[in-house]
Amino acid sequence: MNPFSHFEALLAETRLDGRYRTFVEFERIVGAFPRARWHRPDGSTREVTVWCSNDYLGMGQNPKVLSSMHETLLQAGAGTGGTRNIPGTNHQHVALEAELADLHGKEAALLFTSGWISNLAALGTLGQLLPDCAIFSDALNHNSMIEGIRRSGAEKYVFRHNDVGHLEELLRSVASERPKIIAFESVYSMDGNVAPVAAICDLAETYGAITYLDEVHAVGMYGRTGAGVAERDGVAHRITVIEGTLAKAFGVMGGYVAGSALLVDVIRSFADSFIFTTSLCPHLAAGAAAAVRHLKADGELRDRQQAAVARVKELLEVEGFALAPTQSHILPVLIGDAHLCRQISEFLLERHGIYVQPINYPTVARGQERLRITPTPFHTEDHSQALVSALVAARAELGWRPKCPGKAA
């Protein structure tokens, strides 16, 4: 077999069924968020409004964050020169880990280069080190959690999404003496729904399981200090390990886990993807710490963001667009066809200067293709009206019939 012909055939297949991913080149503009400069393929540029950013609160352009990063860059330079062991543990890493442990009310935290790596490292290490471990994973868990569980070699049980009854059936089927980990998310990024965190904690306590909660899409966004859904629901103290990111609501880069000093030390000591990776640049750690401190102390951006979400959601519903039954700041407009989803995205960008990325398989199941809209505190009423008007125009011009939530096309 000619490997290059095989690769060409694979790419051709992704184009045929609408899965081929193209990148739209943007340049963020400090002080203009959520506006960005679109660099078109022909070399021209145009300012557009971005509606799908994971910089949920605009902290990537917050003056306190930028100031902290500038100061640290001048003081400490660009990189660390090594892994955390040789000699890449900087003061900024230690300070950020202390902020994150305090945010979640845990004894310790450990910093990684991304949220994907933190899930891979933590789940992979804990599942591998616990003898005869069984890991119970929500059916809609993120790829990084799935890969971490696979890497661990532990026996995996997949429970139906947010179905605590099914989870209990699976827990009951496993010998009581076996170590158990329940791995789940608080906010699921493609549907916007929220886990029954307290009910899962009840089961974990009944069956002696560790709880591993991915709060990637919730940290900064929910709770009195922005610690996530577990804080909002008053159950953070019942979660064994909380995993989060610094690249979404905190606006910078990196991932982390927080938990007991013992568990964090085990992950630090045994996780290959921590031990052998160059540590995060000091200015990124400093910027993330500034973002965490700001959102701990001030909930104004969270309040404004929730108001923006409510406004856009109401406008979409009035116009009859089909939304997944979201319970969060994520508004998935269901399309149900990969090619149409891309056509609508391109129509919005080229005709209306609005960018919403099409979400296709394998990120979501076939027939569940969607536009994932994430309003921010900086999307105005005019932005919102323009978005919905553009979607109405796309519907009329492209012959798009909104599909029913939860139904395959």
Protein backbone atom coordinates (compact mmCIF):
# COMPACT_ATOMS: atom_id res chain seq x y z
CA MET A 1 0.00 0.00 0.00
CA ASN A 2 1.24 3.48 -0.87
CA PRO A 3 0.92 5.35 2.45
CA PHE A 4 0.64 8.75 0.77
CA SER A 5 -2.20 7.61 -1.48
CA HIS A 6 -3.90 6.26 1.64
CA PHE A 7 -3.53 9.62 3.39
CA GLU A 8 -4.92 11.43 0.34
CA ALA A 9 -7.92 9.09 0.31
CA LEU A 10 -8.57 9.71 4.01
CA LEU A 11 -8.56 13.47 3.52
CA ALA A 12 -10.79 13.16 0.45
CA GLU A 13 -13.28 11.19 2.52
CA THR A 14 -13.41 13.90 5.19
CA ARG A 15 -14.13 16.49 2.49
CA LEU A 16 -16.86 14.35 0.96
CA ASP A 17 -18.82 13.95 4.19
CA GLY A 18 -18.23 17.51 5.42
CA ARG A 19 -15.75 16.72 8.18
CA TYR A 20 -12.70 18.40 6.66
CA ARG A 21 -11.54 21.17 8.97
CA THR A 22 -10.48 24.54 7.64
CA PHE A 23 -8.92 27.28 9.73
CA VAL A 24 -10.08 30.85 9.53
CA GLU A 25 -7.16 33.20 10.24
CA PHE A 26 -7.89 35.89 12.82
CA GLU A 27 -5.98 38.58 14.64
CA ARG A 28 -7.41 39.57 17.99
CA ILE A 29 -7.56 43.33 18.62
CA VAL A 30 -6.77 44.49 22.14
CA GLY A 31 -9.60 46.64 23.48
CA ALA A 32 -12.05 45.64 20.75
CA PHE A 33 -13.16 42.18 21.98
CA PRO A 34 -15.24 40.41 20.61
CA ARG A 35 -14.16 42.08 17.36
CA ALA A 36 -11.25 40.55 15.47
CA ARG A 37 -9.43 41.10 12.20
CA TRP A 38 -10.12 38.38 9.62
CA HIS A 39 -7.20 37.73 7.26
CA ARG A 40 -8.87 36.51 4.09
CA PRO A 41 -7.26 34.03 1.69
CA ASP A 42 -6.92 36.80 -0.94
CA GLY A 43 -4.73 38.85 1.40
CA SER A 44 -7.36 41.43 2.34
CA THR A 45 -8.62 41.96 5.89
CA ARG A 46 -11.99 42.67 7.45
CA GLU A 47 -13.15 43.23 11.00
CA VAL A 48 -15.70 40.66 12.18
CA THR A 49 -17.58 39.80 15.37
CA VAL A 50 -16.59 36.49 16.93
CA TRP A 51 -19.42 34.50 18.53
CA CYS A 52 -17.73 31.21 19.37
CA SER A 53 -14.73 32.12 21.51
CA ASN A 54 -13.88 30.12 24.62
CA ASP A 55 -12.47 33.33 26.10
CA TYR A 56 -15.86 33.46 27.77
CA LEU A 57 -15.28 36.60 29.84
CA GLY A 58 -12.79 38.46 27.65
CA MET A 59 -10.04 37.98 30.25
CA GLY A 60 -7.48 37.47 27.48
CA GLN A 61 -7.54 41.26 27.04
CA ASN A 62 -8.11 42.31 30.64
CA PRO A 63 -5.70 45.12 31.62
CA LYS A 64 -4.70 43.41 34.88
CA VAL A 65 -3.84 40.21 33.03
CA LEU A 66 -1.86 42.00 30.33
CA SER A 67 0.01 44.14 32.84
CA SER A 68 1.02 41.11 34.89
CA MET A 69 2.21 39.29 31.76
CA HIS A 70 4.22 42.29 30.52
CA GLU A 71 5.92 42.78 33.88
CA THR A 72 6.80 39.10 34.20
CA LEU A 73 8.08 38.89 30.64
CA LEU A 74 10.50 41.74 31.33
CA GLN A 75 11.56 40.25 34.67
CA ALA A 76 11.77 36.52 33.90
CA GLY A 77 12.05 36.29 30.11
CA ALA A 78 10.07 34.13 27.71
CA GLY A 79 10.57 30.48 28.61
CA THR A 80 11.61 28.47 31.63
CA GLY A 81 14.47 26.49 30.15
CA GLY A 82 13.30 23.11 31.31
CA THR A 83 10.79 20.79 32.87
CA ARG A 84 9.50 21.39 36.38
CA ASN A 85 12.34 19.15 37.56
CA ILE A 86 15.19 20.64 35.49
CA PRO A 87 15.08 23.70 36.31
CA GLY A 88 11.64 24.86 35.24
CA THR A 89 9.79 25.43 38.50
CA ASN A 90 9.50 29.22 38.63
CA HIS A 91 8.05 31.35 41.38
CA GLN A 92 5.10 32.16 39.10
CA HIS A 93 4.16 28.46 38.85
CA VAL A 94 4.17 28.01 42.61
CA ALA A 95 2.15 31.20 43.15
CA LEU A 96 -0.44 30.16 40.56
CA GLU A 97 -0.80 26.69 42.07
CA ALA A 98 -1.44 28.31 45.47
CA GLU A 99 -4.14 30.54 43.91
CA LEU A 100 -5.81 27.54 42.27
CA ALA A 101 -5.75 25.42 45.42
CA ASP A 102 -7.32 28.33 47.32
CA LEU A 103 -9.93 28.86 44.58
CA HIS A 104 -11.20 25.31 44.96
CA GLY A 105 -10.69 24.96 48.71
CA LYS A 106 -8.17 22.16 48.23
CA GLU A 107 -4.81 21.46 49.84
CA ALA A 108 -2.80 21.58 46.63
CA ALA A 109 -2.90 22.13 42.87
CA LEU A 110 -0.66 21.11 40.00
CA LEU A 111 -0.13 23.09 36.80
CA PHE A 112 0.04 21.61 33.29
CA THR A 113 0.58 23.06 29.83
CA SER A 114 -3.06 22.49 28.83
CA GLY A 115 -6.36 21.13 30.11
CA TRP A 116 -6.05 18.22 27.67
CA ILE A 117 -2.73 17.22 29.21
CA SER A 118 -4.00 17.61 32.77
CA ASN A 119 -6.80 15.10 32.11
CA LEU A 120 -4.46 12.73 30.30
CA ALA A 121 -1.92 12.89 33.12
CA ALA A 122 -4.22 12.75 36.13
CA LEU A 123 -6.67 10.10 34.98
CA GLY A 124 -3.94 8.09 33.32
CA THR A 125 -1.81 8.10 36.47
CA LEU A 126 -4.51 7.50 39.08
CA GLY A 127 -6.15 4.69 37.10
CA GLN A 128 -2.81 3.03 36.48
CA LEU A 129 -1.51 3.22 40.05
CA LEU A 130 -4.65 1.99 41.81
CA PRO A 131 -4.59 -1.84 41.67
CA ASP A 132 -7.57 -3.34 39.79
CA CYS A 133 -9.13 0.11 39.42
CA ALA A 134 -12.53 0.58 37.74
CA ILE A 135 -13.25 3.96 36.12
CA PHE A 136 -16.84 5.06 35.51
CA SER A 137 -16.99 7.59 32.68
CA ASP A 138 -19.90 9.71 31.46
CA ALA A 139 -20.78 8.89 27.85
CA LEU A 140 -20.17 12.48 26.76
CA ASN A 141 -16.83 13.00 28.48
CA HIS A 142 -14.21 14.98 26.60
CA ASN A 143 -11.63 13.28 24.40
CA SER A 144 -8.86 14.12 26.88
CA MET A 145 -10.66 12.22 29.65
CA ILE A 146 -11.29 9.25 27.36
CA GLU A 147 -7.61 9.20 26.37
CA GLY A 148 -6.50 9.47 30.00
CA ILE A 149 -8.70 6.53 30.99
CA ARG A 150 -7.46 4.50 28.02
CA ARG A 151 -3.87 5.30 28.92
CA SER A 152 -4.42 4.15 32.51
CA GLY A 153 -5.27 0.60 31.43
CA ALA A 154 -8.02 0.52 34.05
CA GLU A 155 -11.31 -1.24 33.35
CA LYS A 156 -13.77 1.32 32.01
CA TYR A 157 -17.53 1.47 32.51
CA VAL A 158 -19.43 4.07 30.47
CA PHE A 159 -22.67 5.37 31.98
CA ARG A 160 -25.39 7.09 29.99
CA HIS A 161 -24.98 10.84 29.98
CA ASN A 162 -25.97 12.38 33.34
CA ASP A 163 -27.89 9.18 34.20
CA VAL A 164 -27.25 8.55 37.91
CA GLY A 165 -29.51 5.48 37.86
CA HIS A 166 -27.36 3.83 35.22
CA LEU A 167 -24.20 4.90 37.07
CA GLU A 168 -25.46 3.22 40.23
CA GLU A 169 -26.21 0.01 38.33
CA LEU A 170 -22.64 -0.07 37.10
CA LEU A 171 -21.18 0.76 40.51
CA ARG A 172 -23.23 -2.00 42.07
CA SER A 173 -21.90 -4.49 39.52
CA VAL A 174 -18.29 -4.03 40.62
CA ALA A 175 -16.83 -5.70 43.71
CA SER A 176 -16.97 -3.36 46.69
CA GLU A 177 -13.28 -3.74 47.50
CA ARG A 178 -12.09 -2.52 44.10
CA PRO A 179 -10.83 1.09 43.81
CA LYS A 180 -13.28 3.21 41.81
CA ILE A 181 -13.10 6.57 40.07
CA ILE A 182 -16.14 8.42 38.73
CA ALA A 183 -15.01 10.78 35.96
CA PHE A 184 -17.43 13.40 34.69
CA GLU A 185 -17.75 17.03 33.63
CA SER A 186 -19.75 19.83 35.18
CA VAL A 187 -20.65 21.75 32.00
CA TYR A 188 -20.62 19.74 28.77
CA SER A 189 -19.19 21.94 26.07
CA MET A 190 -21.22 20.88 23.03
CA ASP A 191 -24.71 20.61 24.57
CA GLY A 192 -24.30 23.14 27.36
CA ASN A 193 -26.01 20.91 29.91
CA VAL A 194 -24.85 20.47 33.50
CA ALA A 195 -24.10 17.34 35.52
CA PRO A 196 -26.07 16.41 38.67
CA VAL A 197 -22.92 16.91 40.73
CA ALA A 198 -24.48 16.44 44.16
CA ALA A 199 -26.26 13.21 43.16
CA ILE A 200 -23.02 11.79 41.76
CA CYS A 201 -21.25 12.72 45.00
CA ASP A 202 -23.96 10.80 46.90
CA LEU A 203 -23.25 7.70 44.86
CA ALA A 204 -19.50 8.10 45.23
CA GLU A 205 -19.81 8.24 48.99
CA THR A 206 -22.14 5.24 49.06
CA TYR A 207 -19.85 3.08 46.90
CA GLY A 208 -16.49 4.39 48.10
CA ALA A 209 -15.45 6.01 44.82
CA ILE A 210 -13.10 8.87 44.05
CA THR A 211 -14.82 11.75 42.21
CA TYR A 212 -12.93 13.35 39.34
CA LEU A 213 -14.71 16.46 38.06
CA ASP A 214 -13.71 18.32 34.90
CA GLU A 215 -14.75 21.96 35.42
CA VAL A 216 -13.01 23.26 32.27
CA HIS A 217 -16.09 25.07 30.94
CA ALA A 218 -17.22 26.22 34.38
CA VAL A 219 -14.19 27.66 36.19
CA GLY A 220 -14.39 31.43 36.27
CA MET A 221 -18.02 31.22 35.22
CA TYR A 222 -20.02 29.89 38.16
CA GLY A 223 -19.96 30.13 41.93
CA ARG A 224 -19.34 33.06 44.26
CA THR A 225 -15.62 33.18 43.43
CA GLY A 226 -15.74 31.56 40.00
CA ALA A 227 -14.63 28.14 41.24
CA GLY A 228 -17.24 26.41 39.06
CA VAL A 229 -20.46 24.45 39.32
CA ALA A 230 -19.29 22.49 42.36
CA GLU A 231 -18.83 25.75 44.26
CA ARG A 232 -22.17 27.10 42.99
CA ASP A 233 -23.93 23.93 44.18
CA GLY A 234 -22.12 23.87 47.52
CA VAL A 235 -20.44 20.50 46.95
CA ALA A 236 -16.82 21.37 46.10
CA HIS A 237 -15.65 19.84 49.38
CA ARG A 238 -17.14 16.50 48.29
CA ILE A 239 -15.12 16.33 45.06
CA THR A 240 -11.83 14.44 45.31
CA VAL A 241 -10.10 15.95 42.26
CA ILE A 242 -11.15 19.06 40.34
CA GLU A 243 -9.61 19.63 36.92
CA GLY A 244 -9.73 22.94 35.11
CA THR A 245 -8.23 25.10 32.41
CA LEU A 246 -6.65 28.54 32.29
CA ALA A 247 -7.43 28.95 28.58
CA LYS A 248 -11.16 29.60 28.64
CA ALA A 249 -12.79 31.90 31.20
CA PHE A 250 -9.35 32.82 32.62
CA GLY A 251 -8.25 33.84 29.13
CA VAL A 252 -4.64 32.62 29.05
CA MET A 253 -3.24 29.09 28.67
CA GLY A 254 -2.65 25.96 30.74
CA GLY A 255 -4.50 23.35 32.75
CA TYR A 256 -4.46 22.09 36.31
CA VAL A 257 -5.78 19.67 38.88
CA ALA A 258 -6.62 20.47 42.50
CA GLY A 259 -7.13 18.05 45.38
CA SER A 260 -5.51 16.67 48.48
CA ALA A 261 -1.77 17.14 48.93
CA LEU A 262 -1.34 13.36 48.72
CA LEU A 263 -3.14 12.89 45.40
CA VAL A 264 -1.49 15.92 43.83
CA ASP A 265 1.92 14.64 44.95
CA VAL A 266 1.20 11.22 43.41
CA ILE A 267 0.29 12.81 40.07
CA ARG A 268 3.35 15.10 40.24
CA SER A 269 5.62 12.17 41.00
CA PHE A 270 4.33 9.60 38.50
CA ALA A 271 2.69 11.36 35.53
CA ASP A 272 4.95 11.06 32.48
CA SER A 273 3.22 13.92 30.69
CA PHE A 274 4.05 16.19 33.63
CA ILE A 275 7.57 14.95 34.34
CA PHE A 276 8.85 15.11 30.75
CA THR A 277 7.19 18.35 29.55
CA THR A 278 8.79 21.80 29.56
CA SER A 279 6.93 23.95 32.05
CA LEU A 280 4.55 26.76 31.17
CA CYS A 281 6.13 30.13 30.36
CA PRO A 282 6.33 32.31 33.51
CA HIS A 283 4.42 35.22 31.96
CA LEU A 284 1.52 32.88 31.11
CA ALA A 285 1.40 31.65 34.70
CA ALA A 286 1.49 35.23 36.00
CA GLY A 287 -1.30 36.30 33.65
CA ALA A 288 -3.45 33.34 34.66
CA ALA A 289 -2.90 34.09 38.35
CA ALA A 290 -4.01 37.69 37.77
CA ALA A 291 -7.16 36.44 36.02
CA VAL A 292 -7.97 34.01 38.85
CA ARG A 293 -7.49 36.73 41.47
CA HIS A 294 -9.68 39.18 39.54
CA LEU A 295 -12.55 36.73 39.03
CA LYS A 296 -12.36 35.55 42.65
CA ALA A 297 -12.93 39.08 43.87
CA ASP A 298 -15.32 40.47 41.27
CA GLY A 299 -18.39 38.75 39.81
CA GLU A 300 -19.47 41.61 37.52
CA LEU A 301 -18.29 39.93 34.33
CA ARG A 302 -20.14 36.72 35.25
CA ASP A 303 -23.35 38.70 35.80
CA ARG A 304 -23.01 40.57 32.52
CA GLN A 305 -22.22 37.39 30.67
CA GLN A 306 -25.31 35.63 32.00
CA ALA A 307 -27.43 38.60 30.95
CA ALA A 308 -25.95 38.41 27.43
CA VAL A 309 -26.70 34.68 27.27
CA ALA A 310 -30.31 35.22 28.31
CA ARG A 311 -30.74 37.97 25.71
CA VAL A 312 -29.36 35.91 22.81
CA LYS A 313 -31.25 32.79 23.86
CA GLU A 314 -34.55 34.69 23.92
CA LEU A 315 -33.93 36.22 20.48
CA LEU A 316 -33.08 32.82 19.00
CA GLU A 317 -36.17 31.19 20.49
CA VAL A 318 -38.46 33.98 19.30
CA GLU A 319 -37.21 33.35 15.74
CA GLY A 320 -37.82 29.60 16.10
CA PHE A 321 -34.25 28.34 16.06
CA ALA A 322 -33.72 24.88 17.53
CA LEU A 323 -31.44 24.97 20.57
CA ALA A 324 -30.13 21.97 22.44
CA PRO A 325 -31.64 22.00 25.98
CA THR A 326 -28.75 24.01 27.40
CA GLN A 327 -28.49 24.92 31.09
CA SER A 328 -25.38 27.04 30.75
CA HIS A 329 -23.68 29.85 28.86
CA ILE A 330 -23.27 27.63 25.76
CA LEU A 331 -26.02 28.00 23.13
CA PRO A 332 -25.91 25.18 20.54
CA VAL A 333 -28.02 25.95 17.45
CA LEU A 334 -28.76 22.55 15.93
CA ILE A 335 -28.32 22.14 12.16
CA GLY A 336 -28.18 18.38 11.62
CA ASP A 337 -26.15 18.31 8.40
CA ALA A 338 -22.38 18.74 8.06
CA HIS A 339 -22.34 20.47 4.67
CA LEU A 340 -25.20 22.82 5.57
CA CYS A 341 -23.55 23.65 8.89
CA ARG A 342 -20.41 24.78 7.06
CA GLN A 343 -22.45 26.68 4.46
CA ILE A 344 -24.26 28.63 7.18
CA SER A 345 -20.97 29.43 8.92
CA GLU A 346 -19.44 30.68 5.66
CA PHE A 347 -22.57 32.72 4.86
CA LEU A 348 -22.43 34.44 8.26
CA LEU A 349 -18.74 35.24 7.90
CA GLU A 350 -18.64 36.37 4.27
CA ARG A 351 -21.99 38.17 4.07
CA HIS A 352 -22.42 39.50 7.60
CA GLY A 353 -18.98 39.66 9.21
CA ILE A 354 -20.01 37.20 11.93
CA TYR A 355 -17.88 34.20 12.85
CA VAL A 356 -19.40 31.04 14.35
CA GLN A 357 -17.41 27.85 13.81
CA PRO A 358 -19.33 24.82 12.46
CA ILE A 359 -19.18 21.85 14.83
CA ASN A 360 -19.22 18.50 13.02
CA TYR A 361 -18.31 14.84 13.61
CA PRO A 362 -16.28 13.59 15.49
CA THR A 363 -16.73 16.48 17.95
CA VAL A 364 -20.47 15.69 17.91
CA ALA A 365 -22.35 12.68 16.55
CA ARG A 366 -23.42 12.64 12.90
CA GLY A 367 -26.82 14.26 12.59
CA GLN A 368 -26.04 16.53 15.57
CA GLU A 369 -24.01 19.14 13.67
CA ARG A 370 -24.41 22.60 15.15
CA LEU A 371 -23.29 26.17 15.53
CA ARG A 372 -21.99 26.68 19.07
CA ILE A 373 -22.67 30.24 20.20
CA THR A 374 -20.97 31.65 23.30
CA PRO A 375 -22.16 35.14 24.26
CA THR A 376 -19.72 37.18 26.34
CA PRO A 377 -20.10 40.25 28.58
CA PHE A 378 -18.86 42.33 25.65
CA HIS A 379 -21.48 41.30 23.10
CA THR A 380 -23.91 44.22 23.03
CA GLU A 381 -27.61 44.24 22.22
CA ASP A 382 -26.71 45.45 18.72
CA HIS A 383 -24.30 42.51 18.29
CA SER A 384 -27.05 40.13 19.39
CA GLN A 385 -29.66 41.57 17.04
CA ALA A 386 -27.17 41.42 14.14
CA LEU A 387 -26.37 37.76 14.88
CA VAL A 388 -29.98 36.65 14.92
CA SER A 389 -30.87 38.72 11.84
CA ALA A 390 -27.97 37.08 9.98
CA LEU A 391 -29.16 33.61 11.01
CA VAL A 392 -32.66 34.46 9.77
CA ALA A 393 -31.16 35.55 6.44
CA ALA A 394 -29.13 32.34 6.22
CA ARG A 395 -32.23 30.29 6.87
CA ALA A 396 -34.11 32.03 4.08
CA GLU A 397 -31.32 31.92 1.49
CA LEU A 398 -30.01 28.41 2.14
CA GLY A 399 -33.35 26.67 2.63
CA TRP A 400 -32.41 25.61 6.13
CA ARG A 401 -35.14 24.02 8.19
CA PRO A 402 -34.20 24.05 11.89
CA LYS A 403 -34.21 20.51 13.31
CA CYS A 404 -35.77 19.40 16.57
CA PRO A 405 -33.44 19.19 19.60
CA GLY A 406 -32.08 15.72 20.29
CA LYS A 407 -33.22 14.23 16.95
CA ALA A 408 -30.88 12.89 14.30
CA ALA A 409 -31.35 14.32 10.83
